[in-house]
Amino acid sequence: MKLVKLSLAALMSLSTMAYAADTLADAFKNGKVTGELRFVYTAGSETDATTQTAPVNNVNVGSVAAELKYVTDSLYGFKLGMAFQSAHDLGFHKKDYDGTPGGQPASEDDERNSVSTTLLSEAYIQYTYSKSNIMIGRQKIKTPLIMTSSAFALEDSFDAAVLTINEIPDTMVKLMYIQDWQMRYGSDARNTATQKDMHLKKGIYSLFFVNKSIQGLTVDGQYMTTNENARFYDAPVFVGAGGYDQYYLQAEYKLPISFPLSLAITYAGADYDSRVYSTPGPTSQVGGDDARLYGFKASTEISGVKLNVAYTTMDEEANFPGTLGHVPDTIAYTDMLTNNAIFAGVDAYSVEAIYGFGVPGLSTGLKYAHYDQSTKGIANAGMNLDGADEINIDIKYAFSGALKGFSTRLWAGYGTYDHVSGDISFMDVFTLNTTSDFYALIGFAPCV
């Protein structure tokens, strides 16, 4: 009898865990509050290579932000989530940039990190059935071709419906429909297309998947399409009106040998209805209708040091649009702090070393990249990266003990450009990030 009573108690416990809350009142009462506190500082030296380094040319800007999020407990599989984020410009720069052409360096302002506003960043309903779920409403999305950037004090959001399917063995599939792109500027936005929220009359449709059915092999890919009859102002590549199709496929294989070695390859492309623009202006249309990107990477680890060697090449016809949501080159293995290997005719080479020095929570990275670009590519890109070099230092530390949950990051870069009246130098210093159970993030932010 005692055994039966214990079994009944266990079943009741499992039932409670499965449904979490029995009433709407319980769902709200047992909900979870989390949050983030952020400090972001951005600094960049002055350079004559203004096209390559905008908008971080001669910047000195900082901001603080907080995000508070509440998610109800599950009620018959349903959850409600809501989050607010608020930021304040600390006023380190000389003056606010007013949009005057050529006036950004003198202002010392990087508008992505000098925002003072409050936003409704998330407001969604989620339903979970078995291993899958659907989320409808304002939310943050993290996929290779659609992603909300977390580089600065405030994040973008998307008004969307996202169905995540985990029923297929060793496979995850996401189906997405996006109706609105809510940018991070809020009420502090200037009346420009690069900062105003974007309502998509025809929407964006996307499919994303990850498959690990073969041991050691991970394959992921994404397709997105839109017929929107309006331009997309997502720097540094601005897509013309009429919409576009974009696709991405990556395969990474860990070789079944005693020596740790993995190889990865990426193929990505975009087909435009009306080409792209190199600037937000109306008359700077460049390149053709199709963009193609190829990437290769080899990774290993020697005596605790992780080593990555990578190569990215773009065809000469057109620029690749990057990842929608203020994240230019997420899919490129050669991604750097300032330069992006998504421009027509670019060949980018990088080597990276990551080491923790045996200190728990510490990661230090050193990465170097070199860029070549063809004459035809420069003409079709509206950007000249031929001969450019960049070196990055990326230091991350996650505290333990009494400060567990708090982390910091310093990301610094130095670049040279040899095509503007000789060698031109440029330096960025970025990032502190903190996180705790009530979240905290402190940062000098990357050029995203």
Protein backbone atom coordinates (compact mmCIF):
# COMPACT_ATOMS: atom_id res chain seq x y z
CA MET A 1 0.00 0.00 0.00
CA LYS A 2 2.82 2.35 0.83
CA LEU A 3 4.35 1.69 -2.62
CA VAL A 4 1.03 2.44 -4.32
CA LYS A 5 0.72 5.74 -2.46
CA LEU A 6 4.23 6.74 -3.54
CA SER A 7 3.42 5.88 -7.16
CA LEU A 8 0.24 7.95 -7.06
CA ALA A 9 2.18 10.85 -5.60
CA ALA A 10 4.76 10.58 -8.35
CA LEU A 11 2.06 10.56 -11.05
CA MET A 12 0.42 13.63 -9.54
CA SER A 13 3.80 15.37 -9.52
CA LEU A 14 4.39 14.52 -13.18
CA SER A 15 0.92 15.76 -14.07
CA THR A 16 1.56 19.04 -12.29
CA MET A 17 4.89 19.45 -14.08
CA ALA A 18 3.30 18.76 -17.47
CA TYR A 19 0.55 21.35 -17.14
CA ALA A 20 2.31 23.60 -14.58
CA ALA A 21 -0.73 25.72 -13.72
CA ASP A 22 -4.35 24.60 -13.27
CA THR A 23 -5.95 28.05 -13.51
CA LEU A 24 -5.27 31.33 -15.24
CA ALA A 25 -4.63 32.93 -11.86
CA ASP A 26 -1.99 30.30 -11.08
CA ALA A 27 -0.36 30.81 -14.48
CA PHE A 28 0.15 34.52 -13.73
CA LYS A 29 1.07 33.95 -10.08
CA ASN A 30 3.72 31.35 -10.95
CA GLY A 31 5.18 33.33 -13.83
CA LYS A 32 8.90 34.15 -14.07
CA VAL A 33 10.50 37.60 -14.13
CA THR A 34 13.94 38.01 -15.70
CA GLY A 35 15.86 41.00 -16.92
CA GLU A 36 19.06 42.50 -18.23
CA LEU A 37 21.09 45.51 -17.24
CA ARG A 38 23.42 46.85 -19.92
CA PHE A 39 26.16 49.40 -20.32
CA VAL A 40 27.56 49.82 -23.82
CA TYR A 41 30.48 52.04 -24.79
CA THR A 42 31.73 52.54 -28.34
CA ALA A 43 34.95 54.28 -29.36
CA GLY A 44 36.61 54.66 -32.75
CA SER A 45 39.56 56.69 -33.98
CA GLU A 46 39.26 59.16 -36.88
CA THR A 47 40.20 57.99 -40.36
CA ASP A 48 40.00 59.12 -43.99
CA ALA A 49 38.53 55.74 -44.95
CA THR A 50 35.04 57.04 -44.18
CA THR A 51 33.07 54.69 -46.45
CA GLN A 52 34.70 51.57 -45.03
CA THR A 53 34.42 52.55 -41.35
CA ALA A 54 31.11 54.41 -41.10
CA PRO A 55 29.31 54.77 -38.71
CA VAL A 56 32.09 54.22 -36.15
CA ASN A 57 34.51 56.79 -37.57
CA ASN A 58 35.66 59.04 -34.70
CA VAL A 59 32.96 57.97 -32.24
CA ASN A 60 32.83 58.36 -28.47
CA VAL A 61 29.43 57.26 -27.26
CA GLY A 62 27.92 55.30 -24.39
CA SER A 63 24.50 54.29 -23.08
CA VAL A 64 22.84 52.31 -20.31
CA ALA A 65 19.78 50.13 -20.69
CA ALA A 66 17.53 47.78 -18.78
CA GLU A 67 15.15 45.10 -19.96
CA LEU A 68 12.44 43.51 -17.83
CA LYS A 69 10.67 40.38 -19.04
CA TYR A 70 7.73 38.44 -17.61
CA VAL A 71 6.56 35.03 -18.84
CA THR A 72 3.54 33.28 -17.33
CA ASP A 73 3.60 29.68 -16.24
CA SER A 74 2.19 27.16 -18.70
CA LEU A 75 -1.59 26.70 -18.75
CA TYR A 76 -2.63 23.75 -20.93
CA GLY A 77 0.45 24.42 -23.06
CA PHE A 78 -0.09 28.18 -23.40
CA LYS A 79 2.24 30.90 -22.15
CA LEU A 80 2.15 34.69 -22.41
CA GLY A 81 5.34 36.73 -22.57
CA MET A 82 5.98 40.48 -22.37
CA ALA A 83 9.18 42.53 -22.15
CA PHE A 84 10.09 46.21 -22.00
CA GLN A 85 13.50 47.72 -22.62
CA SER A 86 14.61 51.27 -21.86
CA ALA A 87 17.88 53.05 -22.64
CA HIS A 88 19.52 56.36 -21.80
CA ASP A 89 22.27 58.11 -23.75
CA LEU A 90 25.14 59.06 -21.40
CA GLY A 91 26.11 62.04 -23.57
CA PHE A 92 29.81 61.28 -24.05
CA HIS A 93 29.81 62.53 -27.66
CA LYS A 94 30.02 66.20 -28.66
CA LYS A 95 26.55 66.45 -30.16
CA ASP A 96 23.81 64.35 -31.71
CA TYR A 97 24.27 63.55 -35.38
CA ASP A 98 21.50 65.29 -37.37
CA GLY A 99 21.92 63.42 -40.65
CA THR A 100 23.96 66.09 -42.41
CA PRO A 101 26.15 64.31 -45.02
CA GLY A 102 29.72 64.08 -43.76
CA GLY A 103 28.79 65.40 -40.31
CA GLN A 104 28.94 62.15 -38.33
CA PRO A 105 32.68 62.13 -37.45
CA ALA A 106 32.57 65.67 -36.04
CA SER A 107 29.59 64.79 -33.84
CA GLU A 108 31.36 61.72 -32.35
CA ASP A 109 27.92 60.08 -32.44
CA ASP A 110 27.08 56.48 -33.33
CA GLU A 111 23.29 56.62 -33.34
CA ARG A 112 22.95 52.89 -32.72
CA ASN A 113 24.38 53.45 -29.25
CA SER A 114 23.05 56.88 -28.27
CA VAL A 115 19.36 56.04 -27.98
CA SER A 116 17.15 57.34 -25.18
CA THR A 117 13.77 55.64 -25.43
CA THR A 118 11.52 52.93 -24.01
CA LEU A 119 10.25 50.05 -26.13
CA LEU A 120 7.82 47.18 -25.91
CA SER A 121 10.36 44.61 -27.07
CA GLU A 122 8.30 41.43 -26.68
CA ALA A 123 4.58 40.64 -26.46
CA TYR A 124 3.64 37.14 -27.56
CA ILE A 125 1.56 34.06 -26.93
CA GLN A 126 3.24 30.66 -27.12
CA TYR A 127 1.66 27.24 -27.38
CA THR A 128 3.68 24.08 -26.81
CA TYR A 129 2.57 20.62 -27.89
CA SER A 130 4.82 17.62 -27.40
CA LYS A 131 8.31 18.83 -28.40
CA SER A 132 7.15 21.63 -30.71
CA ASN A 133 5.76 25.12 -30.20
CA ILE A 134 4.34 28.12 -32.00
CA MET A 135 4.97 31.72 -30.92
CA ILE A 136 2.84 34.58 -32.26
CA GLY A 137 3.45 38.26 -31.58
CA ARG A 138 6.42 40.55 -30.98
CA GLN A 139 9.55 38.51 -30.40
CA LYS A 140 13.29 38.20 -30.94
CA ILE A 141 14.49 35.84 -33.65
CA LYS A 142 17.94 34.24 -33.92
CA THR A 143 18.55 32.44 -37.22
CA PRO A 144 21.33 32.80 -39.83
CA LEU A 145 19.33 35.02 -42.22
CA ILE A 146 16.99 36.75 -39.73
CA MET A 147 18.38 37.88 -36.39
CA THR A 148 17.89 40.58 -33.78
CA SER A 149 21.26 42.14 -32.99
CA SER A 150 22.32 42.17 -29.34
CA ALA A 151 25.43 44.28 -29.98
CA PHE A 152 24.07 47.54 -28.58
CA ALA A 153 22.02 48.68 -25.61
CA LEU A 154 18.64 48.07 -27.31
CA GLU A 155 17.58 45.19 -29.54
CA ASP A 156 15.27 45.09 -32.53
CA SER A 157 12.14 42.91 -32.48
CA PHE A 158 9.91 41.31 -35.09
CA ASP A 159 6.13 41.01 -35.13
CA ALA A 160 5.96 37.46 -36.37
CA ALA A 161 4.59 33.94 -36.19
CA VAL A 162 7.25 31.27 -35.65
CA LEU A 163 6.50 27.55 -35.64
CA THR A 164 9.31 25.38 -34.22
CA ILE A 165 9.07 21.66 -34.99
CA ASN A 166 11.17 19.16 -33.05
CA GLU A 167 9.26 15.96 -33.84
CA ILE A 168 11.64 14.74 -36.54
CA PRO A 169 14.56 12.75 -35.04
CA ASP A 170 17.81 14.73 -34.92
CA THR A 171 16.15 17.61 -36.76
CA MET A 172 14.78 21.04 -35.87
CA VAL A 173 12.63 23.04 -38.31
CA LYS A 174 11.37 26.62 -38.01
CA LEU A 175 8.66 28.14 -40.20
CA MET A 176 8.47 31.93 -39.96
CA TYR A 177 6.22 34.73 -41.13
CA ILE A 178 7.24 38.32 -40.33
CA GLN A 179 4.84 41.24 -40.55
CA ASP A 180 6.78 44.08 -38.92
CA TRP A 181 10.41 44.94 -38.18
CA GLN A 182 10.47 46.96 -34.95
CA MET A 183 13.80 48.80 -34.88
CA ARG A 184 15.71 49.70 -31.72
CA TYR A 185 15.37 53.49 -32.05
CA GLY A 186 11.76 53.89 -30.92
CA SER A 187 10.71 57.49 -30.18
CA ASP A 188 14.34 58.61 -30.54
CA ALA A 189 14.43 57.73 -34.24
CA ARG A 190 15.14 60.41 -36.80
CA ASN A 191 12.58 60.55 -39.61
CA THR A 192 14.68 58.36 -41.89
CA ALA A 193 14.06 54.95 -43.39
CA THR A 194 17.16 53.52 -41.70
CA GLN A 195 15.66 54.13 -38.25
CA LYS A 196 11.89 53.95 -38.67
CA ASP A 197 10.00 50.72 -37.98
CA MET A 198 9.18 48.81 -41.16
CA HIS A 199 5.68 47.47 -41.79
CA LEU A 200 5.75 44.71 -44.40
CA LYS A 201 2.58 44.76 -46.45
CA LYS A 202 3.44 41.45 -48.11
CA GLY A 203 5.48 40.01 -45.27
CA ILE A 204 8.57 37.82 -45.13
CA TYR A 205 8.37 34.03 -45.27
CA SER A 206 11.23 31.81 -44.15
CA LEU A 207 12.19 28.19 -43.49
CA PHE A 208 15.15 27.27 -41.26
CA PHE A 209 16.39 23.78 -40.34
CA VAL A 210 19.20 22.02 -38.46
CA ASN A 211 19.90 18.32 -38.99
CA LYS A 212 22.32 16.07 -37.02
CA SER A 213 21.20 12.63 -38.18
CA ILE A 214 24.69 11.62 -39.34
CA GLN A 215 27.21 11.30 -36.53
CA GLY A 216 29.72 14.14 -36.57
CA LEU A 217 27.86 16.04 -39.30
CA THR A 218 25.70 19.14 -38.73
CA VAL A 219 23.76 20.55 -41.67
CA ASP A 220 21.74 23.73 -41.39
CA GLY A 221 20.07 25.91 -43.97
CA GLN A 222 17.58 28.71 -44.42
CA TYR A 223 15.44 30.19 -47.17
CA MET A 224 13.59 33.49 -46.99
CA THR A 225 11.51 35.37 -49.53
CA THR A 226 9.53 38.58 -49.80
CA ASN A 227 7.77 40.46 -52.59
CA GLU A 228 7.68 43.70 -50.60
CA ASN A 229 7.36 46.69 -52.91
CA ALA A 230 9.63 48.84 -50.74
CA ARG A 231 13.34 49.10 -50.09
CA PHE A 232 15.02 47.39 -47.14
CA TYR A 233 17.25 49.82 -45.23
CA ASP A 234 19.48 47.34 -43.43
CA ALA A 235 23.05 48.67 -43.63
CA PRO A 236 25.48 48.23 -45.24
CA VAL A 237 23.54 46.71 -48.17
CA PHE A 238 20.20 48.31 -49.05
CA VAL A 239 17.88 46.08 -51.10
CA GLY A 240 15.77 47.73 -53.79
CA ALA A 241 11.98 47.66 -53.95
CA GLY A 242 10.29 44.56 -55.32
CA GLY A 243 11.62 42.03 -52.87
CA TYR A 244 14.24 39.30 -53.02
CA ASP A 245 14.93 35.64 -52.36
CA GLN A 246 17.79 34.65 -50.06
CA TYR A 247 19.20 31.26 -49.15
CA TYR A 248 21.95 29.70 -47.06
CA LEU A 249 23.31 26.19 -46.56
CA GLN A 250 26.11 25.05 -44.24
CA ALA A 251 27.65 21.68 -43.49
CA GLU A 252 30.19 21.06 -40.72
CA TYR A 253 31.84 17.69 -40.19
CA LYS A 254 33.97 16.55 -37.25
CA LEU A 255 36.36 13.97 -38.61
CA PRO A 256 36.29 10.61 -36.73
CA ILE A 257 39.99 10.67 -35.92
CA SER A 258 41.96 11.01 -32.70
CA PHE A 259 43.22 14.45 -33.68
CA PRO A 260 40.42 17.06 -33.26
CA LEU A 261 39.64 18.43 -36.71
CA SER A 262 36.43 19.76 -38.25
CA LEU A 263 35.73 21.10 -41.72
CA ALA A 264 32.87 23.41 -42.70
CA ILE A 265 31.53 24.81 -45.95
CA THR A 266 28.89 27.47 -46.60
CA TYR A 267 26.96 28.40 -49.72
CA ALA A 268 24.66 31.42 -49.74
CA GLY A 269 23.02 33.64 -52.30
CA ALA A 270 20.36 36.22 -53.08
CA ASP A 271 18.24 36.99 -56.13
CA TYR A 272 16.99 40.59 -56.30
CA ASP A 273 14.02 42.00 -58.12
CA SER A 274 15.63 45.43 -58.55
CA ARG A 275 19.29 45.25 -57.47
CA VAL A 276 20.78 46.89 -54.37
CA TYR A 277 22.05 50.27 -53.17
CA SER A 278 25.39 51.06 -51.52
CA THR A 279 23.90 53.94 -49.52
CA PRO A 280 20.39 54.90 -48.35
CA GLY A 281 20.27 57.61 -51.03
CA PRO A 282 18.04 57.28 -54.12
CA THR A 283 20.67 57.31 -56.88
CA SER A 284 23.38 54.89 -55.76
CA GLN A 285 22.09 51.62 -57.23
CA VAL A 286 24.97 49.22 -57.94
CA GLY A 287 25.69 45.72 -59.17
CA GLY A 288 23.45 43.10 -60.73
CA ASP A 289 20.51 40.95 -59.73
CA ASP A 290 22.27 37.94 -58.20
CA ALA A 291 24.75 37.53 -55.34
CA ARG A 292 26.67 34.38 -54.44
CA LEU A 293 28.84 33.70 -51.37
CA TYR A 294 31.04 30.69 -50.61
CA GLY A 295 32.81 29.99 -47.33
CA PHE A 296 35.28 27.40 -46.04
CA LYS A 297 36.63 26.80 -42.53
CA ALA A 298 38.95 24.34 -40.82
CA SER A 299 39.03 24.10 -37.01
CA THR A 300 41.21 22.23 -34.55
CA GLU A 301 42.53 22.42 -30.99
CA ILE A 302 46.16 22.09 -29.88
CA SER A 303 47.14 22.13 -26.21
CA GLY A 304 43.91 23.89 -25.29
CA VAL A 305 44.22 26.52 -28.04
CA LYS A 306 41.33 26.53 -30.51
CA LEU A 307 42.44 27.41 -34.04
CA ASN A 308 40.23 28.45 -36.98
CA VAL A 309 41.35 29.12 -40.54
CA ALA A 310 38.67 30.49 -42.89
CA TYR A 311 38.05 31.80 -46.39
CA THR A 312 35.06 33.69 -47.83
CA THR A 313 34.62 34.59 -51.48
CA MET A 314 31.93 36.68 -53.17
CA ASP A 315 31.15 36.68 -56.86
CA GLU A 316 31.60 39.96 -58.70
CA GLU A 317 28.02 40.74 -59.70
CA ALA A 318 26.31 42.02 -56.56
CA ASN A 319 26.52 42.49 -52.78
CA PHE A 320 25.03 39.90 -50.45
CA PRO A 321 22.29 41.37 -48.18
CA GLY A 322 23.64 39.79 -45.00
CA THR A 323 21.37 38.87 -42.10
CA LEU A 324 18.18 40.92 -41.75
CA GLY A 325 18.09 42.77 -38.44
CA HIS A 326 21.27 44.88 -38.29
CA VAL A 327 23.62 41.87 -38.41
CA PRO A 328 25.65 42.10 -41.64
CA ASP A 329 27.79 38.97 -41.85
CA THR A 330 26.65 36.32 -39.40
CA ILE A 331 27.09 33.53 -41.94
CA ALA A 332 30.64 34.52 -42.99
CA TYR A 333 33.41 32.60 -41.22
CA THR A 334 35.63 35.64 -41.76
CA ASP A 335 33.34 38.03 -39.84
CA MET A 336 35.22 40.85 -38.12
CA LEU A 337 34.48 43.86 -35.93
CA THR A 338 34.51 46.45 -38.72
CA ASN A 339 34.86 44.89 -42.18
CA ASN A 340 32.25 42.65 -43.81
CA ALA A 341 32.98 40.03 -46.47
CA ILE A 342 29.58 40.44 -48.16
CA PHE A 343 30.58 42.87 -50.92
CA ALA A 344 30.89 41.96 -54.60
CA GLY A 345 34.28 40.63 -55.68
CA VAL A 346 35.70 40.21 -52.16
CA ASP A 347 38.05 37.42 -51.14
CA ALA A 348 38.57 37.33 -47.36
CA TYR A 349 41.06 35.20 -45.43
CA SER A 350 41.17 34.86 -41.65
CA VAL A 351 43.06 33.00 -38.94
CA GLU A 352 41.91 32.88 -35.32
CA ALA A 353 43.23 31.56 -32.02
CA ILE A 354 41.11 31.23 -28.83
CA TYR A 355 42.57 30.34 -25.43
CA GLY A 356 41.39 30.45 -21.83
CA PHE A 357 44.79 30.29 -20.07
CA GLY A 358 43.33 27.73 -17.69
CA VAL A 359 41.18 30.37 -15.98
CA PRO A 360 37.54 29.29 -15.49
CA GLY A 361 35.17 31.61 -17.33
CA LEU A 362 37.91 33.30 -19.39
CA SER A 363 38.09 33.29 -23.19
CA THR A 364 40.63 35.33 -25.14
CA GLY A 365 40.54 35.50 -28.91
CA LEU A 366 42.97 36.89 -31.48
CA LYS A 367 41.80 37.06 -35.11
CA TYR A 368 43.40 38.46 -38.27
CA ALA A 369 41.75 38.97 -41.66
CA HIS A 370 42.95 40.17 -45.06
CA TYR A 371 40.73 41.33 -47.92
CA ASP A 372 41.26 41.39 -51.69
CA GLN A 373 38.66 42.76 -54.09
CA SER A 374 38.52 42.77 -57.88
CA THR A 375 38.13 45.95 -59.93
CA LYS A 376 34.76 44.77 -61.26
CA GLY A 377 33.67 43.87 -57.72
CA ILE A 378 34.55 47.34 -56.43
CA ALA A 379 32.45 48.92 -59.20
CA ASN A 380 29.47 46.65 -58.46
CA ALA A 381 29.78 46.92 -54.67
CA GLY A 382 30.10 50.67 -54.13
CA MET A 383 32.74 49.64 -51.56
CA ASN A 384 36.52 49.23 -51.81
CA LEU A 385 38.11 46.72 -49.44
CA ASP A 386 41.00 45.74 -51.72
CA GLY A 387 44.18 45.42 -49.64
CA ALA A 388 42.41 45.97 -46.31
CA ASP A 389 43.66 44.25 -43.16
CA GLU A 390 42.05 43.97 -39.75
CA ILE A 391 43.08 42.45 -36.44
CA ASN A 392 40.68 41.82 -33.54
CA ILE A 393 41.15 41.06 -29.86
CA ASP A 394 38.11 39.59 -28.10
CA ILE A 395 38.29 39.03 -24.33
CA LYS A 396 35.33 37.54 -22.43
CA TYR A 397 35.07 36.71 -18.76
CA ALA A 398 32.19 35.18 -16.81
CA PHE A 399 32.45 35.74 -13.06
CA SER A 400 31.81 33.07 -10.44
CA GLY A 401 31.14 33.05 -6.71
CA ALA A 402 29.29 36.09 -5.39
CA LEU A 403 29.32 37.66 -8.89
CA LYS A 404 28.05 34.57 -10.67
CA GLY A 405 25.90 35.56 -13.62
CA PHE A 406 27.93 38.71 -14.36
CA SER A 407 30.11 38.72 -17.48
CA THR A 408 32.27 41.26 -19.26
CA ARG A 409 33.58 41.56 -22.78
CA LEU A 410 36.19 43.76 -24.43
CA TRP A 411 36.33 43.66 -28.22
CA ALA A 412 38.97 45.76 -29.98
CA GLY A 413 39.95 46.04 -33.63
CA TYR A 414 42.60 47.76 -35.72
CA GLY A 415 42.36 48.07 -39.51
CA THR A 416 44.35 49.49 -42.40
CA TYR A 417 43.16 50.49 -45.87
CA ASP A 418 45.76 51.06 -48.59
CA HIS A 419 43.59 52.53 -51.34
CA VAL A 420 42.76 55.97 -49.93
CA SER A 421 45.81 58.23 -50.47
CA GLY A 422 48.14 55.61 -49.01
CA ASP A 423 47.82 53.48 -45.87
CA ILE A 424 44.93 54.62 -43.70
CA SER A 425 44.62 53.30 -40.16
CA PHE A 426 41.52 52.77 -38.09
CA MET A 427 40.86 51.41 -34.61
CA ASP A 428 37.74 50.32 -32.70
CA VAL A 429 37.42 49.60 -28.99
CA PHE A 430 34.24 47.87 -27.89
CA THR A 431 32.31 45.74 -25.42
CA LEU A 432 31.50 44.91 -21.83
CA ASN A 433 28.66 42.45 -21.25
CA THR A 434 27.08 41.34 -17.98
CA THR A 435 24.45 38.72 -17.33
CA SER A 436 22.79 37.39 -14.18
CA ASP A 437 19.56 35.64 -13.21
CA PHE A 438 18.05 39.07 -13.33
CA TYR A 439 20.37 39.60 -16.23
CA ALA A 440 22.99 42.20 -16.74
CA LEU A 441 24.89 43.03 -19.87
CA ILE A 442 27.63 45.61 -20.14
CA GLY A 443 29.32 46.33 -23.42
CA PHE A 444 31.50 48.22 -25.83
CA ALA A 445 29.66 47.25 -28.95
CA PRO A 446 30.67 45.80 -32.33
CA CYS A 447 30.02 47.39 -35.70
CA VAL A 448 26.70 45.74 -36.45
